[in-house]
Amino acid sequence: MQKASPMPGKVDTGKQLKPELTEEDIQKQIKETLARLGPAGKSKASKYRRLKREAVSQQMQQDQEKIEEGKKVIQVTEFVTANEWQR
């Protein structure tokens, strides 16, 4: 039920005093808030950044392996048989 206000047309909401919070109540509210925020985990953006970093790292490793394999191959400008090359 609404109180009659000294000014017509306006509702007096009345100021209710909040009960004092104890240290225990404060800690309980903090735990509840953290529990709601905690399980959300990492954002999708951070997941995609991590996946992209891993993909780039893997690609660089594959490129490095190809370069290492390329060092084992001898490149010549004209055809040389193995016997001619031994001399």
C-alpha atoms as a PDB file:
ATOM      1  CA  MET A   1       0.000   0.000   0.000  1.00  0.00           C
ATOM      2  CA  GLN A   2       1.286   3.439  -0.889  1.00  0.00           C
ATOM      3  CA  LYS A   3       1.679   6.245   1.576  1.00  0.00           C
ATOM      4  CA  ALA A   4       0.016   9.549   0.992  1.00  0.00           C
ATOM      5  CA  SER A   5       2.546  12.083  -0.116  1.00  0.00           C
ATOM      6  CA  PRO A   6       2.579  15.750   0.860  1.00  0.00           C
ATOM      7  CA  MET A   7       2.627  16.567  -2.856  1.00  0.00           C
ATOM      8  CA  PRO A   8      -0.433  15.390  -4.807  1.00  0.00           C
ATOM      9  CA  GLY A   9       0.322  13.091  -7.769  1.00  0.00           C
ATOM     10  CA  LYS A  10       3.612  11.861  -6.357  1.00  0.00           C
ATOM     11  CA  VAL A  11       4.163   8.611  -4.550  1.00  0.00           C
ATOM     12  CA  ASP A  12       6.203   8.608  -1.374  1.00  0.00           C
ATOM     13  CA  THR A  13       8.520   5.655  -1.667  1.00  0.00           C
ATOM     14  CA  GLY A  14       9.838   6.173   1.812  1.00  0.00           C
ATOM     15  CA  LYS A  15      13.451   5.639   2.670  1.00  0.00           C
ATOM     16  CA  GLN A  16      13.990   2.294   4.222  1.00  0.00           C
ATOM     17  CA  LEU A  17      17.133   1.723   6.161  1.00  0.00           C
ATOM     18  CA  LYS A  18      19.142  -1.206   4.937  1.00  0.00           C
ATOM     19  CA  PRO A  19      20.237  -3.601   7.640  1.00  0.00           C
ATOM     20  CA  GLU A  20      23.916  -3.445   8.461  1.00  0.00           C
ATOM     21  CA  LEU A  21      25.984  -6.047   6.673  1.00  0.00           C
ATOM     22  CA  THR A  22      28.258  -8.203   8.724  1.00  0.00           C
ATOM     23  CA  GLU A  23      31.652  -9.382   7.552  1.00  0.00           C
ATOM     24  CA  GLU A  24      30.174 -12.850   7.075  1.00  0.00           C
ATOM     25  CA  ASP A  25      27.421 -11.499   4.798  1.00  0.00           C
ATOM     26  CA  ILE A  26      29.957  -9.572   2.736  1.00  0.00           C
ATOM     27  CA  GLN A  27      32.180 -12.640   2.284  1.00  0.00           C
ATOM     28  CA  LYS A  28      29.137 -14.715   1.319  1.00  0.00           C
ATOM     29  CA  GLN A  29      28.123 -12.189  -1.341  1.00  0.00           C
ATOM     30  CA  ILE A  30      31.670 -12.051  -2.704  1.00  0.00           C
ATOM     31  CA  LYS A  31      31.794 -15.856  -2.993  1.00  0.00           C
ATOM     32  CA  GLU A  32      28.438 -15.950  -4.765  1.00  0.00           C
ATOM     33  CA  THR A  33      29.521 -13.267  -7.217  1.00  0.00           C
ATOM     34  CA  LEU A  34      32.812 -15.012  -7.975  1.00  0.00           C
ATOM     35  CA  ALA A  35      30.982 -18.312  -8.413  1.00  0.00           C
ATOM     36  CA  ARG A  36      28.761 -16.727 -11.050  1.00  0.00           C
ATOM     37  CA  LEU A  37      31.705 -15.151 -12.847  1.00  0.00           C
ATOM     38  CA  GLY A  38      34.188 -18.018 -12.506  1.00  0.00           C
ATOM     39  CA  PRO A  39      32.844 -20.896 -14.605  1.00  0.00           C
ATOM     40  CA  ALA A  40      32.398 -18.703 -17.674  1.00  0.00           C
ATOM     41  CA  GLY A  41      35.964 -19.578 -18.646  1.00  0.00           C
ATOM     42  CA  LYS A  42      37.982 -17.956 -21.361  1.00  0.00           C
ATOM     43  CA  SER A  43      36.453 -15.909 -24.107  1.00  0.00           C
ATOM     44  CA  LYS A  44      36.052 -17.161 -27.643  1.00  0.00           C
ATOM     45  CA  ALA A  45      38.431 -14.482 -28.861  1.00  0.00           C
ATOM     46  CA  SER A  46      41.269 -15.802 -26.711  1.00  0.00           C
ATOM     47  CA  LYS A  47      40.519 -19.333 -27.907  1.00  0.00           C
ATOM     48  CA  TYR A  48      40.743 -18.264 -31.559  1.00  0.00           C
ATOM     49  CA  ARG A  49      43.960 -16.307 -30.934  1.00  0.00           C
ATOM     50  CA  ARG A  50      45.516 -19.382 -29.312  1.00  0.00           C
ATOM     51  CA  LEU A  51      44.410 -21.620 -32.197  1.00  0.00           C
ATOM     52  CA  LYS A  52      45.797 -19.138 -34.710  1.00  0.00           C
ATOM     53  CA  ARG A  53      49.135 -18.981 -32.866  1.00  0.00           C
ATOM     54  CA  GLU A  54      49.347 -22.774 -32.870  1.00  0.00           C
ATOM     55  CA  ALA A  55      48.508 -22.934 -36.597  1.00  0.00           C
ATOM     56  CA  VAL A  56      51.159 -20.336 -37.472  1.00  0.00           C
ATOM     57  CA  SER A  57      53.713 -22.112 -35.299  1.00  0.00           C
ATOM     58  CA  GLN A  58      52.927 -25.434 -36.952  1.00  0.00           C
ATOM     59  CA  GLN A  59      53.209 -23.891 -40.431  1.00  0.00           C
ATOM     60  CA  MET A  60      56.577 -22.339 -39.572  1.00  0.00           C
ATOM     61  CA  GLN A  61      57.811 -25.710 -38.307  1.00  0.00           C
ATOM     62  CA  GLN A  62      56.723 -27.405 -41.552  1.00  0.00           C
ATOM     63  CA  ASP A  63      58.449 -24.701 -43.605  1.00  0.00           C
ATOM     64  CA  GLN A  64      61.630 -25.180 -41.577  1.00  0.00           C
ATOM     65  CA  GLU A  65      61.506 -28.951 -42.184  1.00  0.00           C
ATOM     66  CA  LYS A  66      61.141 -28.365 -45.943  1.00  0.00           C
ATOM     67  CA  ILE A  67      64.164 -26.069 -45.901  1.00  0.00           C
ATOM     68  CA  GLU A  68      66.184 -28.710 -44.043  1.00  0.00           C
ATOM     69  CA  GLU A  69      65.180 -31.339 -46.609  1.00  0.00           C
ATOM     70  CA  GLY A  70      66.062 -28.939 -49.428  1.00  0.00           C
ATOM     71  CA  LYS A  71      69.619 -28.643 -48.106  1.00  0.00           C
ATOM     72  CA  LYS A  72      70.149 -32.342 -48.799  1.00  0.00           C
ATOM     73  CA  VAL A  73      69.424 -31.935 -52.514  1.00  0.00           C
ATOM     74  CA  ILE A  74      72.249 -30.832 -54.789  1.00  0.00           C
ATOM     75  CA  GLN A  75      71.179 -28.463 -57.553  1.00  0.00           C
ATOM     76  CA  VAL A  76      73.210 -28.319 -60.752  1.00  0.00           C
ATOM     77  CA  THR A  77      72.720 -26.153 -63.815  1.00  0.00           C
ATOM     78  CA  GLU A  78      73.331 -28.939 -66.345  1.00  0.00           C
ATOM     79  CA  PHE A  79      72.808 -32.666 -66.396  1.00  0.00           C
ATOM     80  CA  VAL A  80      75.655 -34.560 -64.724  1.00  0.00           C
ATOM     81  CA  THR A  81      75.768 -38.305 -64.263  1.00  0.00           C
ATOM     82  CA  ALA A  82      76.884 -39.792 -60.975  1.00  0.00           C
ATOM     83  CA  ASN A  83      80.083 -41.127 -62.612  1.00  0.00           C
ATOM     84  CA  GLU A  84      81.030 -37.696 -63.973  1.00  0.00           C
ATOM     85  CA  TRP A  85      80.293 -36.089 -60.667  1.00  0.00           C
ATOM     86  CA  GLN A  86      82.591 -38.515 -58.806  1.00  0.00           C
ATOM     87  CA  ARG A  87      85.664 -37.326 -60.727  1.00  0.00           C
END
